[in-house]
Amino acid sequence: MGRLQGKGAVILGAAGRDNMGQVMARTFAREGARVLVAGRHEDSLRQLATEIGGRHVVCDITRKSDVEALADAAVAAFGKVDVAVNCTKSAGGSVIQISSASVHCLLNNHAAYIATKAAGEALVRCFANEFGAQGVRVNSIAPGLTSTPMTEKDVHMPGLEEAFLKEYPLGRIGTTQDIADAALWLAGDECFLTGQVLQVNGGLTLRRNPTQKEISASLRAHAPPRPGS
């Protein structure tokens, strides 16, 4: 029997091809969960839902009506929500958010992004404290540089990955499956953890992200030679 057998899971942010949300959806479904995926692009959501035998709802989180409709659809589908990824309304046993290692290992030109992730980590602690008595666990996962469709172009720039790799004690950058596997544990009944941020980033937070100067130097060092040079 799967680790999430019979549980109802809602995953918001699963419209991007092979992104973290989609990989989580597939992982949860393989472990027996009934999965409702949500995001802004219906065609990709429908395709994913068909693939995993789940359901889909179009949801733009900037629209209150969409968020309320997602909550209603989840309750209608499952009766109660056992696992919620990137959403907290009407959630049940495990709420999982996505943070970033950059909260602790700063990156230049990412101030707004880092500030929102830091605020999210504070909310995780607050909600974990307030709703623990109702049996709700609230945790977050903090990836470092992760190979996803969104980062694919940057990761494959000659020299970019090399600049980051020396700061990862485990010797590689993360994958979407690394994040999905951590989420699977947080979603399961064996997880006795709440209010925490799992640093699923290969040990990056033991060190630091490379500086912009180091990144630029690595890009120059790995740049293909110019014609005639």
C-alpha atoms as a PDB file:
ATOM      1  CA  MET A   1       0.000   0.000   0.000  1.00  0.00           C
ATOM      2  CA  GLY A   2       1.239   3.477  -0.833  1.00  0.00           C
ATOM      3  CA  ARG A   3       2.377   5.904   1.835  1.00  0.00           C
ATOM      4  CA  LEU A   4      -0.451   8.322   0.986  1.00  0.00           C
ATOM      5  CA  GLN A   5      -3.103   5.719   0.223  1.00  0.00           C
ATOM      6  CA  GLY A   6      -6.582   7.285   0.201  1.00  0.00           C
ATOM      7  CA  LYS A   7      -5.432  10.773   1.178  1.00  0.00           C
ATOM      8  CA  GLY A   8      -6.783  13.819  -0.644  1.00  0.00           C
ATOM      9  CA  ALA A   9      -4.038  16.175  -1.826  1.00  0.00           C
ATOM     10  CA  VAL A  10      -4.292  19.617  -3.400  1.00  0.00           C
ATOM     11  CA  ILE A  11      -1.251  20.947  -5.252  1.00  0.00           C
ATOM     12  CA  LEU A  12      -1.308  24.559  -6.373  1.00  0.00           C
ATOM     13  CA  GLY A  13       1.247  25.671  -8.955  1.00  0.00           C
ATOM     14  CA  ALA A  14       1.183  22.500 -11.042  1.00  0.00           C
ATOM     15  CA  ALA A  15       0.570  23.973 -14.487  1.00  0.00           C
ATOM     16  CA  GLY A  16       4.204  24.310 -15.581  1.00  0.00           C
ATOM     17  CA  ARG A  17       5.650  21.428 -17.568  1.00  0.00           C
ATOM     18  CA  ASP A  18       7.553  19.093 -15.225  1.00  0.00           C
ATOM     19  CA  ASN A  19       7.849  21.774 -12.539  1.00  0.00           C
ATOM     20  CA  MET A  20       7.992  21.015  -8.810  1.00  0.00           C
ATOM     21  CA  GLY A  21       4.204  20.915  -8.535  1.00  0.00           C
ATOM     22  CA  GLN A  22       3.823  18.435 -11.363  1.00  0.00           C
ATOM     23  CA  VAL A  23       6.547  16.150 -10.052  1.00  0.00           C
ATOM     24  CA  MET A  24       4.957  16.248  -6.590  1.00  0.00           C
ATOM     25  CA  ALA A  25       1.579  15.385  -8.126  1.00  0.00           C
ATOM     26  CA  ARG A  26       2.998  12.345  -9.878  1.00  0.00           C
ATOM     27  CA  THR A  27       4.874  11.241  -6.760  1.00  0.00           C
ATOM     28  CA  PHE A  28       1.832  11.620  -4.516  1.00  0.00           C
ATOM     29  CA  ALA A  29      -0.380   9.777  -6.997  1.00  0.00           C
ATOM     30  CA  ARG A  30       2.069   6.871  -7.208  1.00  0.00           C
ATOM     31  CA  GLU A  31       1.865   6.636  -3.421  1.00  0.00           C
ATOM     32  CA  GLY A  32      -1.918   6.287  -3.495  1.00  0.00           C
ATOM     33  CA  ALA A  33      -3.127   9.867  -3.010  1.00  0.00           C
ATOM     34  CA  ARG A  34      -6.141  11.293  -4.764  1.00  0.00           C
ATOM     35  CA  VAL A  35      -4.728  14.463  -6.278  1.00  0.00           C
ATOM     36  CA  LEU A  36      -6.307  17.725  -7.367  1.00  0.00           C
ATOM     37  CA  VAL A  37      -3.893  19.949  -9.287  1.00  0.00           C
ATOM     38  CA  ALA A  38      -4.385  23.680  -9.750  1.00  0.00           C
ATOM     39  CA  GLY A  39      -2.750  26.573 -11.540  1.00  0.00           C
ATOM     40  CA  ARG A  40      -3.392  29.114 -14.271  1.00  0.00           C
ATOM     41  CA  HIS A  41      -3.167  27.031 -17.472  1.00  0.00           C
ATOM     42  CA  GLU A  42      -6.008  24.608 -18.018  1.00  0.00           C
ATOM     43  CA  ASP A  43      -4.594  22.580 -20.902  1.00  0.00           C
ATOM     44  CA  SER A  44      -1.488  21.450 -19.011  1.00  0.00           C
ATOM     45  CA  LEU A  45      -3.503  20.874 -15.823  1.00  0.00           C
ATOM     46  CA  ARG A  46      -6.016  18.723 -17.658  1.00  0.00           C
ATOM     47  CA  GLN A  47      -3.232  16.696 -19.259  1.00  0.00           C
ATOM     48  CA  LEU A  48      -1.550  16.113 -15.891  1.00  0.00           C
ATOM     49  CA  ALA A  49      -4.819  15.199 -14.177  1.00  0.00           C
ATOM     50  CA  THR A  50      -5.568  12.669 -16.901  1.00  0.00           C
ATOM     51  CA  GLU A  51      -2.072  11.204 -16.585  1.00  0.00           C
ATOM     52  CA  ILE A  52      -2.320  10.647 -12.820  1.00  0.00           C
ATOM     53  CA  GLY A  53      -6.026   9.859 -12.627  1.00  0.00           C
ATOM     54  CA  GLY A  54      -6.740  13.028 -10.671  1.00  0.00           C
ATOM     55  CA  ARG A  55      -8.689  16.249 -11.021  1.00  0.00           C
ATOM     56  CA  HIS A  56      -7.819  19.800 -11.967  1.00  0.00           C
ATOM     57  CA  VAL A  57      -9.035  23.323 -11.235  1.00  0.00           C
ATOM     58  CA  VAL A  58      -7.905  26.569 -12.845  1.00  0.00           C
ATOM     59  CA  CYS A  59      -6.809  28.936 -10.081  1.00  0.00           C
ATOM     60  CA  ASP A  60      -5.152  32.347 -10.175  1.00  0.00           C
ATOM     61  CA  ILE A  61      -4.162  33.071  -6.567  1.00  0.00           C
ATOM     62  CA  THR A  62      -4.500  36.826  -7.159  1.00  0.00           C
ATOM     63  CA  ARG A  63      -8.256  36.278  -7.507  1.00  0.00           C
ATOM     64  CA  LYS A  64     -10.081  35.583  -4.263  1.00  0.00           C
ATOM     65  CA  SER A  65     -12.941  33.923  -6.133  1.00  0.00           C
ATOM     66  CA  ASP A  66     -10.537  31.440  -7.728  1.00  0.00           C
ATOM     67  CA  VAL A  67      -9.011  30.519  -4.363  1.00  0.00           C
ATOM     68  CA  GLU A  68     -12.449  30.031  -2.835  1.00  0.00           C
ATOM     69  CA  ALA A  69     -13.514  27.913  -5.814  1.00  0.00           C
ATOM     70  CA  LEU A  70     -10.403  25.756  -5.394  1.00  0.00           C
ATOM     71  CA  ALA A  71     -11.212  25.188  -1.718  1.00  0.00           C
ATOM     72  CA  ASP A  72     -14.802  24.274  -2.583  1.00  0.00           C
ATOM     73  CA  ALA A  73     -13.667  21.895  -5.332  1.00  0.00           C
ATOM     74  CA  ALA A  74     -11.255  20.167  -2.976  1.00  0.00           C
ATOM     75  CA  VAL A  75     -13.893  19.639  -0.313  1.00  0.00           C
ATOM     76  CA  ALA A  76     -16.343  18.384  -2.930  1.00  0.00           C
ATOM     77  CA  ALA A  77     -13.746  15.964  -4.305  1.00  0.00           C
ATOM     78  CA  PHE A  78     -12.300  14.622  -1.059  1.00  0.00           C
ATOM     79  CA  GLY A  79     -14.630  15.565   1.776  1.00  0.00           C
ATOM     80  CA  LYS A  80     -11.536  16.861   3.570  1.00  0.00           C
ATOM     81  CA  VAL A  81      -8.071  17.817   2.418  1.00  0.00           C
ATOM     82  CA  ASP A  82      -5.266  15.789   3.972  1.00  0.00           C
ATOM     83  CA  VAL A  83      -2.353  17.461   2.165  1.00  0.00           C
ATOM     84  CA  ALA A  84      -2.107  20.955   0.708  1.00  0.00           C
ATOM     85  CA  VAL A  85       0.911  22.241  -1.215  1.00  0.00           C
ATOM     86  CA  ASN A  86       1.277  26.011  -1.649  1.00  0.00           C
ATOM     87  CA  CYS A  87      -2.177  26.705  -0.271  1.00  0.00           C
ATOM     88  CA  THR A  88      -3.546  26.939   3.272  1.00  0.00           C
ATOM     89  CA  LYS A  89      -7.272  27.479   2.928  1.00  0.00           C
ATOM     90  CA  SER A  90      -9.394  24.488   4.049  1.00  0.00           C
ATOM     91  CA  ALA A  91      -6.258  22.408   4.475  1.00  0.00           C
ATOM     92  CA  GLY A  92      -6.014  19.316   6.567  1.00  0.00           C
ATOM     93  CA  GLY A  93      -3.243  17.265   8.109  1.00  0.00           C
ATOM     94  CA  SER A  94      -0.178  18.591   6.275  1.00  0.00           C
ATOM     95  CA  VAL A  95       0.378  21.986   4.692  1.00  0.00           C
ATOM     96  CA  ILE A  96       3.575  22.296   2.657  1.00  0.00           C
ATOM     97  CA  GLN A  97       5.018  25.562   1.395  1.00  0.00           C
ATOM     98  CA  ILE A  98       8.041  26.219  -0.802  1.00  0.00           C
ATOM     99  CA  SER A  99      10.682  28.617   0.476  1.00  0.00           C
ATOM    100  CA  SER A 100      14.257  29.153  -0.721  1.00  0.00           C
ATOM    101  CA  ALA A 101      17.778  28.627   0.576  1.00  0.00           C
ATOM    102  CA  SER A 102      18.419  32.226  -0.487  1.00  0.00           C
ATOM    103  CA  VAL A 103      16.689  33.382   2.723  1.00  0.00           C
ATOM    104  CA  HIS A 104      19.935  32.372   4.431  1.00  0.00           C
ATOM    105  CA  CYS A 105      22.371  32.296   1.495  1.00  0.00           C
ATOM    106  CA  LEU A 106      21.792  35.654  -0.130  1.00  0.00           C
ATOM    107  CA  LEU A 107      21.842  36.376  -3.857  1.00  0.00           C
ATOM    108  CA  ASN A 108      22.327  39.805  -5.378  1.00  0.00           C
ATOM    109  CA  ASN A 109      19.344  41.387  -7.153  1.00  0.00           C
ATOM    110  CA  HIS A 110      16.864  39.081  -5.406  1.00  0.00           C
ATOM    111  CA  ALA A 111      15.750  41.337  -2.548  1.00  0.00           C
ATOM    112  CA  ALA A 112      12.005  41.223  -3.255  1.00  0.00           C
ATOM    113  CA  TYR A 113      12.046  37.464  -3.851  1.00  0.00           C
ATOM    114  CA  ILE A 114      14.046  36.778  -0.685  1.00  0.00           C
ATOM    115  CA  ALA A 115      11.819  39.069   1.377  1.00  0.00           C
ATOM    116  CA  THR A 116       8.665  37.222   0.306  1.00  0.00           C
ATOM    117  CA  LYS A 117      10.230  33.841   1.085  1.00  0.00           C
ATOM    118  CA  ALA A 118      11.398  35.048   4.506  1.00  0.00           C
ATOM    119  CA  ALA A 119       7.887  36.307   5.244  1.00  0.00           C
ATOM    120  CA  GLY A 120       6.504  32.949   4.156  1.00  0.00           C
ATOM    121  CA  GLU A 121       8.773  31.160   6.611  1.00  0.00           C
ATOM    122  CA  ALA A 122       7.460  33.375   9.421  1.00  0.00           C
ATOM    123  CA  LEU A 123       3.887  32.547   8.432  1.00  0.00           C
ATOM    124  CA  VAL A 124       4.701  28.836   8.490  1.00  0.00           C
ATOM    125  CA  ARG A 125       5.819  29.154  12.106  1.00  0.00           C
ATOM    126  CA  CYS A 126       2.747  31.214  13.046  1.00  0.00           C
ATOM    127  CA  PHE A 127       0.249  28.860  11.406  1.00  0.00           C
ATOM    128  CA  ALA A 128       1.996  25.783  12.813  1.00  0.00           C
ATOM    129  CA  ASN A 129       1.664  27.252  16.289  1.00  0.00           C
ATOM    130  CA  GLU A 130      -1.959  28.336  15.885  1.00  0.00           C
ATOM    131  CA  PHE A 131      -3.385  25.256  14.178  1.00  0.00           C
ATOM    132  CA  GLY A 132      -1.349  22.457  15.696  1.00  0.00           C
ATOM    133  CA  ALA A 133      -4.095  21.703  18.221  1.00  0.00           C
ATOM    134  CA  GLN A 134      -6.390  20.939  15.262  1.00  0.00           C
ATOM    135  CA  GLY A 135      -3.979  18.309  13.974  1.00  0.00           C
ATOM    136  CA  VAL A 136      -2.583  20.516  11.209  1.00  0.00           C
ATOM    137  CA  ARG A 137       1.145  20.420  10.473  1.00  0.00           C
ATOM    138  CA  VAL A 138       2.642  23.349   8.541  1.00  0.00           C
ATOM    139  CA  ASN A 139       6.137  23.081   7.123  1.00  0.00           C
ATOM    140  CA  SER A 140       8.204  24.421   4.263  1.00  0.00           C
ATOM    141  CA  ILE A 141      10.910  23.186   1.899  1.00  0.00           C
ATOM    142  CA  ALA A 142      13.847  25.400   0.950  1.00  0.00           C
ATOM    143  CA  PRO A 143      15.554  24.365  -2.297  1.00  0.00           C
ATOM    144  CA  GLY A 144      18.760  25.866  -3.559  1.00  0.00           C
ATOM    145  CA  LEU A 145      19.506  26.127  -7.259  1.00  0.00           C
ATOM    146  CA  THR A 146      17.262  23.441  -8.747  1.00  0.00           C
ATOM    147  CA  SER A 147      17.066  22.130 -12.269  1.00  0.00           C
ATOM    148  CA  THR A 148      13.512  22.890 -13.408  1.00  0.00           C
ATOM    149  CA  PRO A 149      11.966  23.983 -16.708  1.00  0.00           C
ATOM    150  CA  MET A 150      11.918  27.552 -15.360  1.00  0.00           C
ATOM    151  CA  THR A 151      15.657  27.530 -14.566  1.00  0.00           C
ATOM    152  CA  GLU A 152      16.712  25.281 -17.455  1.00  0.00           C
ATOM    153  CA  LYS A 153      18.027  28.093 -19.657  1.00  0.00           C
ATOM    154  CA  ASP A 154      20.110  29.593 -16.850  1.00  0.00           C
ATOM    155  CA  VAL A 155      21.392  26.293 -15.459  1.00  0.00           C
ATOM    156  CA  HIS A 156      22.720  25.306 -18.876  1.00  0.00           C
ATOM    157  CA  MET A 157      24.594  28.556 -19.446  1.00  0.00           C
ATOM    158  CA  PRO A 158      28.276  27.499 -19.691  1.00  0.00           C
ATOM    159  CA  GLY A 159      29.850  28.252 -16.332  1.00  0.00           C
ATOM    160  CA  LEU A 160      26.699  28.997 -14.337  1.00  0.00           C
ATOM    161  CA  GLU A 161      26.287  25.599 -12.707  1.00  0.00           C
ATOM    162  CA  GLU A 162      30.037  25.374 -12.099  1.00  0.00           C
ATOM    163  CA  ALA A 163      29.929  28.612 -10.105  1.00  0.00           C
ATOM    164  CA  PHE A 164      27.329  27.141  -7.756  1.00  0.00           C
ATOM    165  CA  LEU A 165      28.565  23.558  -7.481  1.00  0.00           C
ATOM    166  CA  LYS A 166      31.585  24.335  -5.312  1.00  0.00           C
ATOM    167  CA  GLU A 167      29.215  25.598  -2.587  1.00  0.00           C
ATOM    168  CA  TYR A 168      27.192  22.341  -2.450  1.00  0.00           C
ATOM    169  CA  PRO A 169      28.734  19.810  -0.032  1.00  0.00           C
ATOM    170  CA  LEU A 170      26.856  16.947  -1.705  1.00  0.00           C
ATOM    171  CA  GLY A 171      28.383  17.859  -5.056  1.00  0.00           C
ATOM    172  CA  ARG A 172      25.343  18.546  -7.199  1.00  0.00           C
ATOM    173  CA  ILE A 173      22.446  20.941  -7.512  1.00  0.00           C
ATOM    174  CA  GLY A 174      18.939  19.819  -6.683  1.00  0.00           C
ATOM    175  CA  THR A 175      16.248  18.220  -8.804  1.00  0.00           C
ATOM    176  CA  THR A 176      12.481  18.479  -8.727  1.00  0.00           C
ATOM    177  CA  GLN A 177      12.366  14.864  -7.542  1.00  0.00           C
ATOM    178  CA  ASP A 178      14.501  15.783  -4.518  1.00  0.00           C
ATOM    179  CA  ILE A 179      11.834  18.321  -3.557  1.00  0.00           C
ATOM    180  CA  ALA A 180       8.958  15.924  -4.276  1.00  0.00           C
ATOM    181  CA  ASP A 181      10.535  13.208  -2.113  1.00  0.00           C
ATOM    182  CA  ALA A 182      10.872  15.648   0.795  1.00  0.00           C
ATOM    183  CA  ALA A 183       7.269  16.729   0.307  1.00  0.00           C
ATOM    184  CA  LEU A 184       6.185  13.082   0.343  1.00  0.00           C
ATOM    185  CA  TRP A 185       7.697  12.627   3.794  1.00  0.00           C
ATOM    186  CA  LEU A 186       6.116  15.840   5.087  1.00  0.00           C
ATOM    187  CA  ALA A 187       2.761  14.687   3.728  1.00  0.00           C
ATOM    188  CA  GLY A 188       2.834  11.290   5.423  1.00  0.00           C
ATOM    189  CA  ASP A 189       1.479  10.313   8.822  1.00  0.00           C
ATOM    190  CA  GLU A 190       4.951   9.309  10.021  1.00  0.00           C
ATOM    191  CA  CYS A 191       6.058  12.945   9.956  1.00  0.00           C
ATOM    192  CA  PHE A 192       6.083  14.385  13.491  1.00  0.00           C
ATOM    193  CA  LEU A 193       7.261  17.838  12.496  1.00  0.00           C
ATOM    194  CA  THR A 194       5.668  21.256  12.294  1.00  0.00           C
ATOM    195  CA  GLY A 195       6.741  24.868  11.941  1.00  0.00           C
ATOM    196  CA  GLN A 196      10.000  23.905  10.264  1.00  0.00           C
ATOM    197  CA  VAL A 197      11.845  24.664   7.042  1.00  0.00           C
ATOM    198  CA  LEU A 198      13.568  21.638   5.510  1.00  0.00           C
ATOM    199  CA  GLN A 199      16.784  22.719   3.819  1.00  0.00           C
ATOM    200  CA  VAL A 200      16.583  20.373   0.832  1.00  0.00           C
ATOM    201  CA  ASN A 201      19.548  21.888  -0.968  1.00  0.00           C
ATOM    202  CA  GLY A 202      22.488  19.525  -0.669  1.00  0.00           C
ATOM    203  CA  GLY A 203      24.045  21.410   2.226  1.00  0.00           C
ATOM    204  CA  LEU A 204      24.156  24.813   0.526  1.00  0.00           C
ATOM    205  CA  THR A 205      23.130  26.588   3.729  1.00  0.00           C
ATOM    206  CA  LEU A 206      26.313  25.286   5.367  1.00  0.00           C
ATOM    207  CA  ARG A 207      28.128  27.566   2.946  1.00  0.00           C
ATOM    208  CA  ARG A 208      26.830  30.319   0.677  1.00  0.00           C
ATOM    209  CA  ASN A 209      25.705  31.164  -2.827  1.00  0.00           C
ATOM    210  CA  PRO A 210      28.458  32.437  -5.113  1.00  0.00           C
ATOM    211  CA  THR A 211      28.831  36.191  -5.421  1.00  0.00           C
ATOM    212  CA  GLN A 212      27.852  37.978  -8.600  1.00  0.00           C
ATOM    213  CA  LYS A 213      31.557  38.561  -9.278  1.00  0.00           C
ATOM    214  CA  GLU A 214      32.249  34.834  -8.981  1.00  0.00           C
ATOM    215  CA  ILE A 215      29.338  33.969 -11.247  1.00  0.00           C
ATOM    216  CA  SER A 216      30.483  36.462 -13.884  1.00  0.00           C
ATOM    217  CA  ALA A 217      34.044  35.127 -13.741  1.00  0.00           C
ATOM    218  CA  SER A 218      32.821  31.547 -14.185  1.00  0.00           C
ATOM    219  CA  LEU A 219      30.635  32.520 -17.142  1.00  0.00           C
ATOM    220  CA  ARG A 220      33.604  34.238 -18.816  1.00  0.00           C
ATOM    221  CA  ALA A 221      35.884  31.269 -18.149  1.00  0.00           C
ATOM    222  CA  HIS A 222      33.448  28.820 -19.712  1.00  0.00           C
ATOM    223  CA  ALA A 223      32.278  30.991 -22.597  1.00  0.00           C
ATOM    224  CA  PRO A 224      32.835  29.388 -26.018  1.00  0.00           C
ATOM    225  CA  PRO A 225      35.702  30.938 -27.958  1.00  0.00           C
ATOM    226  CA  ARG A 226      34.790  33.655 -30.393  1.00  0.00           C
ATOM    227  CA  PRO A 227      35.177  32.862 -34.085  1.00  0.00           C
ATOM    228  CA  GLY A 228      38.695  33.646 -35.198  1.00  0.00           C
ATOM    229  CA  SER A 229      40.090  33.898 -31.657  1.00  0.00           C
END
